[in-house]
Amino acid sequence: MRPRSIKIFLLDGDPAGIRDAQISMSTIHAIAFRKLQLARVRDKYPDLSRAGIYLLLGFDELQPERLVAYIGQAESVAVRLGIHAG
C-alpha cells in the first residue's frame, strides 16, 4: 500500500458536529452526523440521494451499555436514512 491522506472537513467547525471525510485521489466519501442533523445534511449534500452504503450506530435497547451497528445499502441513501429516522 502507498501512503494516502484523509481530509476531514468540520462543517460547523465542531468535531462533534457534521464531519465530511474524503481520501485524496479516491471516490470514497464519508459523512458522519447525528440523526437530528439529517435534514441539514440532505440540504448540504445533494449527492446523498445517490446509491451508497451507510452505517448506523446506536445502543442496544436490552443492554444500553452495548453499542450496536447496522450496515445497509440503498439506491438513495437520503431516502433510506429518512425511513430509518422516521
N, C-alpha and C. Protein backbone atom coordinates (compact mmCIF):
# COMPACT_ATOMS: atom_id res chain seq x y z
N MET A 1 0.83 -1.19 0.00
CA MET A 1 0.00 0.00 0.00
C MET A 1 0.87 1.25 0.00
N ARG A 2 0.36 2.26 -0.63
CA ARG A 2 1.08 3.52 -0.67
C ARG A 2 0.45 4.50 0.34
N PRO A 3 1.21 5.47 0.80
CA PRO A 3 0.67 6.45 1.75
C PRO A 3 -0.45 7.27 1.12
N ARG A 4 -1.44 7.61 1.92
CA ARG A 4 -2.56 8.43 1.46
C ARG A 4 -2.97 9.39 2.57
N SER A 5 -3.66 10.41 2.19
CA SER A 5 -4.15 11.40 3.16
C SER A 5 -5.66 11.35 3.22
N ILE A 6 -6.18 11.58 4.40
CA ILE A 6 -7.63 11.72 4.59
C ILE A 6 -7.89 13.16 4.98
N LYS A 7 -8.78 13.81 4.25
CA LYS A 7 -9.16 15.19 4.55
C LYS A 7 -10.50 15.15 5.29
N ILE A 8 -10.53 15.73 6.49
CA ILE A 8 -11.77 15.81 7.26
C ILE A 8 -12.17 17.27 7.37
N PHE A 9 -13.39 17.55 6.91
CA PHE A 9 -13.93 18.91 6.94
C PHE A 9 -15.00 18.95 8.02
N LEU A 10 -14.88 19.88 8.96
CA LEU A 10 -15.87 20.06 10.03
C LEU A 10 -16.83 21.15 9.58
N LEU A 11 -18.01 20.75 9.12
CA LEU A 11 -18.96 21.69 8.54
C LEU A 11 -19.32 22.83 9.49
N ASP A 12 -19.44 22.51 10.77
CA ASP A 12 -19.79 23.52 11.77
C ASP A 12 -18.56 24.02 12.54
N GLY A 13 -17.38 23.51 12.21
CA GLY A 13 -16.19 23.85 12.97
C GLY A 13 -16.11 23.09 14.28
N ASP A 14 -17.00 22.12 14.48
CA ASP A 14 -17.10 21.37 15.73
C ASP A 14 -16.83 19.88 15.46
N PRO A 15 -15.85 19.28 16.13
CA PRO A 15 -15.57 17.86 15.90
C PRO A 15 -16.75 16.93 16.21
N ALA A 16 -17.69 17.39 17.02
CA ALA A 16 -18.87 16.59 17.33
C ALA A 16 -20.03 16.88 16.38
N GLY A 17 -19.84 17.81 15.46
CA GLY A 17 -20.88 18.17 14.51
C GLY A 17 -20.80 17.32 13.24
N ILE A 18 -21.24 17.86 12.13
CA ILE A 18 -21.22 17.16 10.85
C ILE A 18 -19.78 17.11 10.34
N ARG A 19 -19.32 15.89 10.04
CA ARG A 19 -17.96 15.67 9.57
C ARG A 19 -17.97 15.06 8.18
N ASP A 20 -17.18 15.61 7.30
CA ASP A 20 -17.09 15.17 5.91
C ASP A 20 -15.67 14.69 5.68
N ALA A 21 -15.49 13.42 5.34
CA ALA A 21 -14.16 12.85 5.15
C ALA A 21 -14.00 12.33 3.73
N GLN A 22 -12.83 12.63 3.15
CA GLN A 22 -12.52 12.14 1.81
C GLN A 22 -11.07 11.71 1.76
N ILE A 23 -10.82 10.64 1.02
CA ILE A 23 -9.46 10.17 0.78
C ILE A 23 -9.03 10.78 -0.55
N SER A 24 -7.87 11.43 -0.54
CA SER A 24 -7.40 12.08 -1.76
C SER A 24 -7.21 11.06 -2.88
N MET A 25 -7.51 11.50 -4.10
CA MET A 25 -7.38 10.66 -5.30
C MET A 25 -8.25 9.41 -5.22
N SER A 26 -9.45 9.52 -4.63
CA SER A 26 -10.35 8.39 -4.46
C SER A 26 -11.80 8.85 -4.58
N THR A 27 -12.69 7.92 -4.86
CA THR A 27 -14.12 8.24 -4.90
C THR A 27 -14.78 8.03 -3.54
N ILE A 28 -14.03 7.60 -2.55
CA ILE A 28 -14.57 7.35 -1.21
C ILE A 28 -14.90 8.69 -0.55
N HIS A 29 -16.14 8.76 -0.04
CA HIS A 29 -16.62 9.98 0.62
C HIS A 29 -17.50 9.54 1.78
N ALA A 30 -17.19 9.98 2.97
CA ALA A 30 -17.96 9.63 4.16
C ALA A 30 -18.45 10.89 4.86
N ILE A 31 -19.68 10.83 5.34
CA ILE A 31 -20.26 11.95 6.09
C ILE A 31 -20.76 11.36 7.41
N ALA A 32 -20.30 11.90 8.51
CA ALA A 32 -20.73 11.44 9.83
C ALA A 32 -21.56 12.53 10.49
N PHE A 33 -22.71 12.13 11.04
CA PHE A 33 -23.61 13.09 11.66
C PHE A 33 -24.61 12.37 12.56
N ARG A 34 -25.27 13.14 13.40
CA ARG A 34 -26.30 12.60 14.29
C ARG A 34 -27.65 12.62 13.59
N LYS A 35 -28.55 11.76 14.04
CA LYS A 35 -29.87 11.65 13.42
C LYS A 35 -30.58 13.00 13.32
N LEU A 36 -30.45 13.83 14.33
CA LEU A 36 -31.12 15.13 14.33
C LEU A 36 -30.57 16.08 13.27
N GLN A 37 -29.42 15.76 12.70
CA GLN A 37 -28.79 16.61 11.68
C GLN A 37 -29.12 16.17 10.25
N LEU A 38 -29.95 15.14 10.10
CA LEU A 38 -30.23 14.57 8.78
C LEU A 38 -30.77 15.61 7.79
N ALA A 39 -31.73 16.42 8.19
CA ALA A 39 -32.31 17.41 7.27
C ALA A 39 -31.24 18.37 6.75
N ARG A 40 -30.38 18.83 7.62
CA ARG A 40 -29.31 19.76 7.21
C ARG A 40 -28.33 19.07 6.26
N VAL A 41 -28.00 17.82 6.55
CA VAL A 41 -27.07 17.08 5.71
C VAL A 41 -27.67 16.88 4.32
N ARG A 42 -28.95 16.57 4.25
CA ARG A 42 -29.63 16.42 2.95
C ARG A 42 -29.53 17.71 2.14
N ASP A 43 -29.69 18.84 2.81
CA ASP A 43 -29.61 20.14 2.11
C ASP A 43 -28.19 20.42 1.61
N LYS A 44 -27.20 20.13 2.43
CA LYS A 44 -25.80 20.46 2.11
C LYS A 44 -25.16 19.47 1.13
N TYR A 45 -25.65 18.23 1.12
CA TYR A 45 -25.04 17.19 0.30
C TYR A 45 -26.08 16.53 -0.62
N PRO A 46 -26.36 17.13 -1.77
CA PRO A 46 -27.34 16.54 -2.69
C PRO A 46 -26.92 15.15 -3.19
N ASP A 47 -25.62 14.86 -3.16
CA ASP A 47 -25.16 13.52 -3.58
C ASP A 47 -25.66 12.42 -2.66
N LEU A 48 -26.17 12.77 -1.51
CA LEU A 48 -26.71 11.78 -0.58
C LEU A 48 -27.90 11.05 -1.19
N SER A 49 -28.50 11.61 -2.24
CA SER A 49 -29.63 10.95 -2.89
C SER A 49 -29.17 9.86 -3.85
N ARG A 50 -27.87 9.69 -4.02
CA ARG A 50 -27.34 8.64 -4.88
C ARG A 50 -27.24 7.32 -4.13
N ALA A 51 -26.90 6.27 -4.86
CA ALA A 51 -26.71 4.95 -4.26
C ALA A 51 -25.47 4.95 -3.38
N GLY A 52 -25.52 4.16 -2.31
CA GLY A 52 -24.37 4.09 -1.43
C GLY A 52 -24.58 3.13 -0.28
N ILE A 53 -23.59 3.08 0.56
CA ILE A 53 -23.60 2.25 1.76
C ILE A 53 -23.61 3.17 2.96
N TYR A 54 -24.33 2.78 4.00
CA TYR A 54 -24.39 3.61 5.20
C TYR A 54 -24.25 2.73 6.44
N LEU A 55 -23.87 3.36 7.52
CA LEU A 55 -23.65 2.68 8.79
C LEU A 55 -24.39 3.45 9.87
N LEU A 56 -25.25 2.76 10.61
CA LEU A 56 -25.98 3.37 11.71
C LEU A 56 -25.43 2.81 13.02
N LEU A 57 -25.13 3.70 13.96
CA LEU A 57 -24.62 3.29 15.27
C LEU A 57 -25.61 3.70 16.34
N GLY A 58 -25.76 2.86 17.34
CA GLY A 58 -26.66 3.16 18.45
C GLY A 58 -26.42 2.20 19.59
N PHE A 59 -27.26 2.31 20.59
CA PHE A 59 -27.14 1.44 21.75
C PHE A 59 -28.25 0.41 21.74
N ASP A 60 -27.92 -0.79 22.18
CA ASP A 60 -28.86 -1.91 22.26
C ASP A 60 -29.96 -1.57 23.28
N GLU A 61 -31.21 -1.77 22.89
CA GLU A 61 -32.32 -1.44 23.80
C GLU A 61 -32.33 -2.35 25.03
N LEU A 62 -31.91 -3.60 24.88
CA LEU A 62 -31.92 -4.54 26.00
C LEU A 62 -30.68 -4.42 26.88
N GLN A 63 -29.57 -3.99 26.29
CA GLN A 63 -28.32 -3.81 27.03
C GLN A 63 -27.78 -2.42 26.69
N PRO A 64 -28.27 -1.37 27.36
CA PRO A 64 -27.93 0.01 27.00
C PRO A 64 -26.43 0.35 26.98
N GLU A 65 -25.62 -0.44 27.64
CA GLU A 65 -24.18 -0.17 27.63
C GLU A 65 -23.50 -0.76 26.39
N ARG A 66 -24.25 -1.52 25.61
CA ARG A 66 -23.70 -2.19 24.42
C ARG A 66 -23.98 -1.40 23.15
N LEU A 67 -22.92 -1.07 22.41
CA LEU A 67 -23.04 -0.36 21.14
C LEU A 67 -23.32 -1.36 20.03
N VAL A 68 -24.27 -1.04 19.16
CA VAL A 68 -24.60 -1.91 18.03
C VAL A 68 -24.48 -1.12 16.73
N ALA A 69 -24.28 -1.85 15.64
CA ALA A 69 -24.14 -1.21 14.32
C ALA A 69 -25.04 -1.92 13.33
N TYR A 70 -25.58 -1.15 12.39
CA TYR A 70 -26.37 -1.68 11.29
C TYR A 70 -25.73 -1.15 10.01
N ILE A 71 -25.43 -2.05 9.08
CA ILE A 71 -24.85 -1.67 7.80
C ILE A 71 -25.90 -1.90 6.73
N GLY A 72 -26.14 -0.88 5.92
CA GLY A 72 -27.14 -1.01 4.87
C GLY A 72 -26.65 -0.43 3.56
N GLN A 73 -27.43 -0.69 2.53
CA GLN A 73 -27.16 -0.11 1.22
C GLN A 73 -28.48 0.33 0.63
N ALA A 74 -28.43 1.34 -0.24
CA ALA A 74 -29.67 1.86 -0.80
C ALA A 74 -29.39 2.52 -2.15
N GLU A 75 -30.41 2.56 -2.98
CA GLU A 75 -30.32 3.29 -4.24
C GLU A 75 -30.30 4.79 -3.99
N SER A 76 -30.99 5.22 -2.92
CA SER A 76 -30.94 6.61 -2.48
C SER A 76 -30.69 6.59 -0.97
N VAL A 77 -29.48 6.90 -0.59
CA VAL A 77 -29.13 6.87 0.83
C VAL A 77 -29.99 7.87 1.61
N ALA A 78 -30.25 9.05 1.04
CA ALA A 78 -31.05 10.07 1.73
C ALA A 78 -32.45 9.55 2.05
N VAL A 79 -33.08 8.91 1.09
CA VAL A 79 -34.44 8.37 1.31
C VAL A 79 -34.40 7.29 2.37
N ARG A 80 -33.46 6.38 2.27
CA ARG A 80 -33.37 5.27 3.21
C ARG A 80 -33.07 5.76 4.63
N LEU A 81 -32.20 6.73 4.78
CA LEU A 81 -31.93 7.28 6.11
C LEU A 81 -33.16 7.94 6.69
N GLY A 82 -33.94 8.59 5.83
CA GLY A 82 -35.20 9.19 6.28
C GLY A 82 -36.15 8.15 6.82
N ILE A 83 -36.20 6.98 6.18
CA ILE A 83 -37.06 5.88 6.65
C ILE A 83 -36.57 5.39 8.01
N HIS A 84 -35.26 5.24 8.16
CA HIS A 84 -34.70 4.80 9.45
C HIS A 84 -35.00 5.84 10.54
N ALA A 85 -34.88 7.11 10.21
CA ALA A 85 -35.06 8.17 11.20
C ALA A 85 -36.53 8.31 11.60
N GLY A 86 -37.43 7.91 10.67
CA GLY A 86 -38.87 8.03 10.80
C GLY A 86 -39.41 8.10 12.13
